[in-house]
């Protein structure tokens, strides 16, 4: 058993004060505590999004504290709580569960964030920030064929990508922006300047095939959900290392998108 506030303080220390302050400047979404539940924690549940199905599974597992990437949607309420939000809040409150959500912070952390973890699992090393500091550019030790890099990433994500083969057949530099990281026109100059051979993200939009072709890069979208599981699980590993007696588990609610 761990005191709730001690665990919250440990998590905040994992991110660091400067990084947490930067998140407030970079992100309008939640990066911190949303709801405080019971004061003692035995079980920590991890996940990507606070859907009702996910929250029910957390409660069923006996979770005392829940950590997710996408918050429960309390921003911009204008004092109105929809039936959807009411049901989610009821599950949390009736279960007396604490909820923490980290959006930018679990994308951009340079060690255990989604994009840092993707770079590491691809066998590359971080060489530069990317996409306005939400992602990273990673460099492989030596160029590999596009097919071999895609095969590695498919194993990492557990999914096959939507792939546009418009860049080099051999890949050295990979740009990663997890989740909804499809580039806008305002990002094109940065992509070109970064020298990436392969852009890895979760989603592809209508204009992506043309952008990929016109700037000569390969583009692979492996799914929003599948690219955003790594940060929260890596944070869970840090919690388990610090507090071995805690039950720390990832609650998987697969999403094809």
Protein backbone atom coordinates (compact mmCIF):
# COMPACT_ATOMS: atom_id res chain seq x y z
CA UNK A 1 0.00 0.00 0.00
CA UNK A 2 1.18 3.53 -0.85
CA UNK A 3 -0.33 6.82 0.15
CA UNK A 4 -2.06 8.42 -2.84
CA UNK A 5 -0.36 11.78 -2.49
CA UNK A 6 3.08 10.19 -2.08
CA UNK A 7 2.54 8.32 -5.35
CA UNK A 8 1.33 11.46 -7.11
CA UNK A 9 4.44 13.31 -5.91
CA UNK A 10 6.66 10.50 -7.17
CA UNK A 11 5.00 10.63 -10.60
CA UNK A 12 5.45 14.40 -10.74
CA UNK A 13 9.12 13.97 -9.82
CA UNK A 14 9.53 11.44 -12.66
CA UNK A 15 8.49 14.14 -15.12
CA UNK A 16 10.41 16.94 -13.43
CA UNK A 17 9.34 20.46 -12.52
CA UNK A 18 10.68 22.16 -15.66
CA UNK A 19 9.04 19.63 -17.98
CA UNK A 20 5.71 19.98 -16.17
CA UNK A 21 5.89 23.76 -16.47
CA UNK A 22 6.62 23.44 -20.19
CA UNK A 23 3.54 21.23 -20.60
CA UNK A 24 1.35 24.06 -19.34
CA UNK A 25 2.74 26.30 -22.06
CA UNK A 26 2.53 23.73 -24.84
CA UNK A 27 -0.77 21.97 -24.23
CA UNK A 28 -4.37 22.94 -23.56
CA UNK A 29 -5.28 19.40 -22.50
CA UNK A 30 -4.88 17.72 -19.14
CA UNK A 31 -1.45 17.04 -17.68
CA UNK A 32 -1.98 16.11 -14.06
CA UNK A 33 -4.59 15.10 -11.50
CA UNK A 34 -8.23 15.26 -12.61
CA UNK A 35 -10.02 13.52 -9.72
CA UNK A 36 -8.77 12.46 -6.30
CA UNK A 37 -10.13 9.21 -4.93
CA UNK A 38 -9.27 7.11 -1.89
CA UNK A 39 -6.17 8.09 0.05
CA UNK A 40 -4.38 4.72 -0.15
CA UNK A 41 -3.28 2.88 -3.30
CA UNK A 42 -2.79 -0.84 -3.81
CA UNK A 43 -3.61 -1.15 -7.52
CA UNK A 44 -2.66 1.19 -10.37
CA UNK A 45 -4.41 0.86 -13.73
CA UNK A 46 -2.82 2.24 -16.91
CA UNK A 47 -4.47 3.03 -20.22
CA UNK A 48 -4.74 5.29 -23.23
CA UNK A 49 -8.21 6.85 -23.05
CA UNK A 50 -10.88 7.18 -20.36
CA UNK A 51 -13.74 5.48 -22.18
CA UNK A 52 -16.56 4.06 -20.11
CA UNK A 53 -15.49 0.50 -21.02
CA UNK A 54 -11.97 1.26 -19.83
CA UNK A 55 -13.15 2.80 -16.55
CA UNK A 56 -15.45 -0.15 -15.86
CA UNK A 57 -12.52 -2.53 -16.34
CA UNK A 58 -10.40 -0.39 -14.01
CA UNK A 59 -13.07 -0.54 -11.33
CA UNK A 60 -13.51 -4.29 -11.83
CA UNK A 61 -9.76 -4.76 -11.39
CA UNK A 62 -9.89 -2.97 -8.03
CA UNK A 63 -7.90 0.03 -9.23
CA UNK A 64 -7.33 2.77 -6.69
CA UNK A 65 -5.46 5.08 -9.08
CA UNK A 66 -5.76 5.34 -12.86
CA UNK A 67 -3.20 6.88 -15.21
CA UNK A 68 -4.15 7.63 -18.81
CA UNK A 69 -2.91 9.59 -21.80
CA UNK A 70 -6.19 11.19 -22.91
CA UNK A 71 -8.03 12.92 -20.08
CA UNK A 72 -11.68 12.58 -19.26
CA UNK A 73 -12.71 15.74 -21.12
CA UNK A 74 -13.34 18.29 -18.39
CA UNK A 75 -11.81 21.13 -20.43
CA UNK A 76 -14.14 23.71 -21.93
CA UNK A 77 -17.25 22.38 -20.19
CA UNK A 78 -18.92 25.77 -19.78
CA UNK A 79 -20.70 24.28 -16.73
CA UNK A 80 -22.48 21.59 -18.77
CA UNK A 81 -21.93 17.88 -18.15
CA UNK A 82 -23.17 15.65 -20.96
CA UNK A 83 -24.70 12.20 -20.32
CA UNK A 84 -21.50 10.63 -21.71
CA UNK A 85 -19.32 12.54 -19.28
CA UNK A 86 -21.77 11.95 -16.43
CA UNK A 87 -21.46 8.17 -16.87
CA UNK A 88 -17.68 8.31 -16.91
CA UNK A 89 -17.56 10.51 -13.84
CA UNK A 90 -20.03 8.24 -12.04
CA UNK A 91 -17.78 5.22 -12.65
CA UNK A 92 -14.79 7.06 -11.22
CA UNK A 93 -16.63 8.52 -8.25
CA UNK A 94 -18.54 5.35 -7.34
CA UNK A 95 -15.26 3.45 -7.56
CA UNK A 96 -13.49 6.14 -5.49
CA UNK A 97 -10.65 6.08 -8.04
CA UNK A 98 -8.02 8.77 -8.51
CA UNK A 99 -7.53 9.82 -12.14
CA UNK A 100 -4.34 11.27 -13.59
CA UNK A 101 -4.02 12.19 -17.26
CA UNK A 102 -0.85 13.22 -19.07
CA UNK A 103 -1.25 14.35 -22.68
CA UNK A 104 1.79 16.31 -23.88
CA UNK A 105 3.85 14.91 -21.04
CA UNK A 106 3.39 11.29 -22.15
CA UNK A 107 4.05 12.17 -25.78
CA UNK A 108 7.10 14.36 -25.39
CA UNK A 109 9.11 13.09 -22.42
CA UNK A 110 12.62 12.33 -23.74
CA UNK A 111 13.00 9.06 -21.82
CA UNK A 112 9.64 7.37 -21.19
CA UNK A 113 7.32 9.33 -23.49
CA UNK A 114 5.55 7.64 -26.39
CA UNK A 115 7.90 8.99 -29.05
CA UNK A 116 11.11 8.35 -27.12
CA UNK A 117 9.96 4.78 -26.54
CA UNK A 118 9.12 4.31 -30.23
CA UNK A 119 12.58 5.54 -31.24
CA UNK A 120 14.22 3.16 -28.76
CA UNK A 121 12.12 0.18 -29.82
CA UNK A 122 12.95 0.91 -33.47
CA UNK A 123 16.64 0.51 -32.58
CA UNK A 124 17.44 4.17 -33.13
CA UNK A 125 18.70 7.01 -30.92
CA UNK A 126 17.19 10.45 -30.48
CA UNK A 127 19.09 13.17 -32.33
CA UNK A 128 16.64 16.10 -32.37
CA UNK A 129 13.19 17.28 -31.26
CA UNK A 130 10.45 17.15 -33.90
CA UNK A 131 6.97 18.51 -34.64
CA UNK A 132 7.17 21.52 -32.33
CA UNK A 133 8.74 19.38 -29.58
CA UNK A 134 5.92 16.81 -29.46
CA UNK A 135 8.03 14.13 -31.15
CA UNK A 136 11.60 13.23 -31.98
CA UNK A 137 13.91 12.48 -34.85
CA UNK A 138 15.72 9.20 -34.36
CA UNK A 139 18.74 7.91 -36.25
CA UNK A 140 19.49 4.26 -36.89
CA UNK A 141 23.11 3.05 -36.49
CA UNK A 142 23.18 2.40 -40.24
CA UNK A 143 20.65 2.63 -43.09
CA UNK A 144 18.16 -0.22 -43.36
CA UNK A 145 15.68 -1.08 -46.05
CA UNK A 146 12.29 0.51 -45.66
CA UNK A 147 10.70 -2.93 -45.59
CA UNK A 148 12.88 -4.08 -42.68
CA UNK A 149 12.14 -0.93 -40.65
CA UNK A 150 8.41 -1.28 -41.29
CA UNK A 151 8.58 -4.94 -40.28
CA UNK A 152 10.26 -4.00 -36.99
CA UNK A 153 7.73 -1.27 -36.28
CA UNK A 154 4.82 -3.55 -37.15
CA UNK A 155 6.03 -5.96 -34.47
CA UNK A 156 6.44 -3.09 -32.01
CA UNK A 157 2.94 -1.72 -32.60
CA UNK A 158 1.21 -5.03 -33.25
CA UNK A 159 -0.38 -3.62 -36.40
CA UNK A 160 0.27 -3.09 -40.07
CA UNK A 161 0.51 0.54 -41.19
CA UNK A 162 -1.17 2.68 -43.77
CA UNK A 163 2.01 3.20 -45.76
CA UNK A 164 2.95 5.67 -48.47
CA UNK A 165 6.22 4.73 -50.14
CA UNK A 166 7.32 8.09 -51.47
CA UNK A 167 10.79 8.40 -49.98
CA UNK A 168 14.14 6.60 -49.98
CA UNK A 169 14.19 2.82 -50.16
CA UNK A 170 16.75 2.80 -47.36
CA UNK A 171 16.00 4.52 -44.06
CA UNK A 172 18.43 6.16 -41.64
CA UNK A 173 16.35 8.93 -40.03
CA UNK A 174 12.89 8.40 -38.55
CA UNK A 175 10.57 11.17 -37.38
CA UNK A 176 7.99 10.06 -34.81
CA UNK A 177 4.84 11.90 -33.69
CA UNK A 178 2.54 9.49 -31.86
CA UNK A 179 -1.25 9.59 -32.07
CA UNK A 180 -2.85 12.28 -34.20
CA UNK A 181 0.47 13.52 -35.50
CA UNK A 182 -0.34 13.95 -39.18
CA UNK A 183 1.60 17.00 -40.35
CA UNK A 184 -0.01 20.25 -41.38
CA UNK A 185 1.32 22.50 -44.11
CA UNK A 186 3.03 24.52 -41.36
CA UNK A 187 5.12 21.44 -40.48
CA UNK A 188 6.41 20.73 -43.98
CA UNK A 189 9.49 22.95 -43.79
CA UNK A 190 10.54 21.30 -40.51
CA UNK A 191 10.10 17.83 -42.02
CA UNK A 192 12.28 18.73 -45.00
CA UNK A 193 14.95 20.38 -42.83
CA UNK A 194 15.06 17.40 -40.44
CA UNK A 195 16.11 15.05 -43.22
CA UNK A 196 13.78 12.26 -42.13
CA UNK A 197 13.37 9.32 -44.50
CA UNK A 198 10.33 7.91 -42.71
CA UNK A 199 7.56 9.72 -40.84
CA UNK A 200 5.88 7.52 -38.22
CA UNK A 201 2.60 8.49 -36.57
CA UNK A 202 -0.85 7.19 -35.70
CA UNK A 203 -3.07 8.71 -38.37
CA UNK A 204 -3.18 9.70 -42.01
CA UNK A 205 -5.41 12.47 -43.34
CA UNK A 206 -6.72 13.13 -46.85
CA UNK A 207 -3.85 15.39 -47.83
CA UNK A 208 -1.07 13.08 -46.59
CA UNK A 209 -0.51 11.06 -49.80
CA UNK A 210 0.10 14.29 -51.72
CA UNK A 211 2.34 15.81 -49.05
CA UNK A 212 4.36 12.60 -48.77
CA UNK A 213 4.83 12.44 -52.53
CA UNK A 214 5.68 16.10 -53.00
CA UNK A 215 8.37 16.19 -50.29
CA UNK A 216 9.68 12.69 -51.00
CA UNK A 217 9.26 10.99 -47.63
CA UNK A 218 7.88 7.62 -46.61
CA UNK A 219 4.87 7.90 -44.31
CA UNK A 220 3.56 5.16 -42.00
CA UNK A 221 0.45 5.45 -39.81
CA UNK A 222 0.13 2.57 -37.33
CA UNK A 223 -3.01 3.71 -35.48
CA UNK A 224 -3.61 6.41 -32.89
CA UNK A 225 -4.17 3.94 -30.05
CA UNK A 226 -1.31 1.61 -30.96
CA UNK A 227 1.25 4.43 -31.02
CA UNK A 228 0.22 5.79 -27.62
CA UNK A 229 0.48 2.78 -25.33
CA UNK A 230 4.20 3.03 -24.66
CA UNK A 231 4.50 6.15 -22.52
CA UNK A 232 1.97 5.12 -19.91
CA UNK A 233 3.38 1.58 -19.68
CA UNK A 234 6.94 2.93 -19.31
CA UNK A 235 5.73 5.23 -16.53
CA UNK A 236 4.08 2.19 -14.96
CA UNK A 237 7.42 0.39 -15.02
CA UNK A 238 9.00 3.26 -13.07
CA UNK A 239 6.20 3.12 -10.51
CA UNK A 240 6.57 -0.65 -10.12
CA UNK A 241 10.33 -0.31 -9.67
CA UNK A 242 9.87 2.29 -6.93
CA UNK A 243 6.95 0.51 -5.25
CA UNK A 244 7.32 -3.26 -5.91
CA UNK A 245 4.34 -4.15 -3.71
CA UNK A 246 1.90 -2.25 -5.91
CA UNK A 247 -0.18 -4.07 -8.50
CA UNK A 248 0.48 -2.07 -11.69
CA UNK A 249 -1.39 -3.24 -14.78
CA UNK A 250 -2.15 -2.00 -18.29
CA UNK A 251 -5.85 -2.21 -19.17
CA UNK A 252 -6.04 -2.85 -22.90
CA UNK A 253 -9.16 -1.64 -24.73
CA UNK A 254 -8.04 -2.13 -28.33
CA UNK A 255 -8.99 0.40 -30.96
CA UNK A 256 -8.51 -0.14 -34.69
CA UNK A 257 -7.95 3.58 -35.31
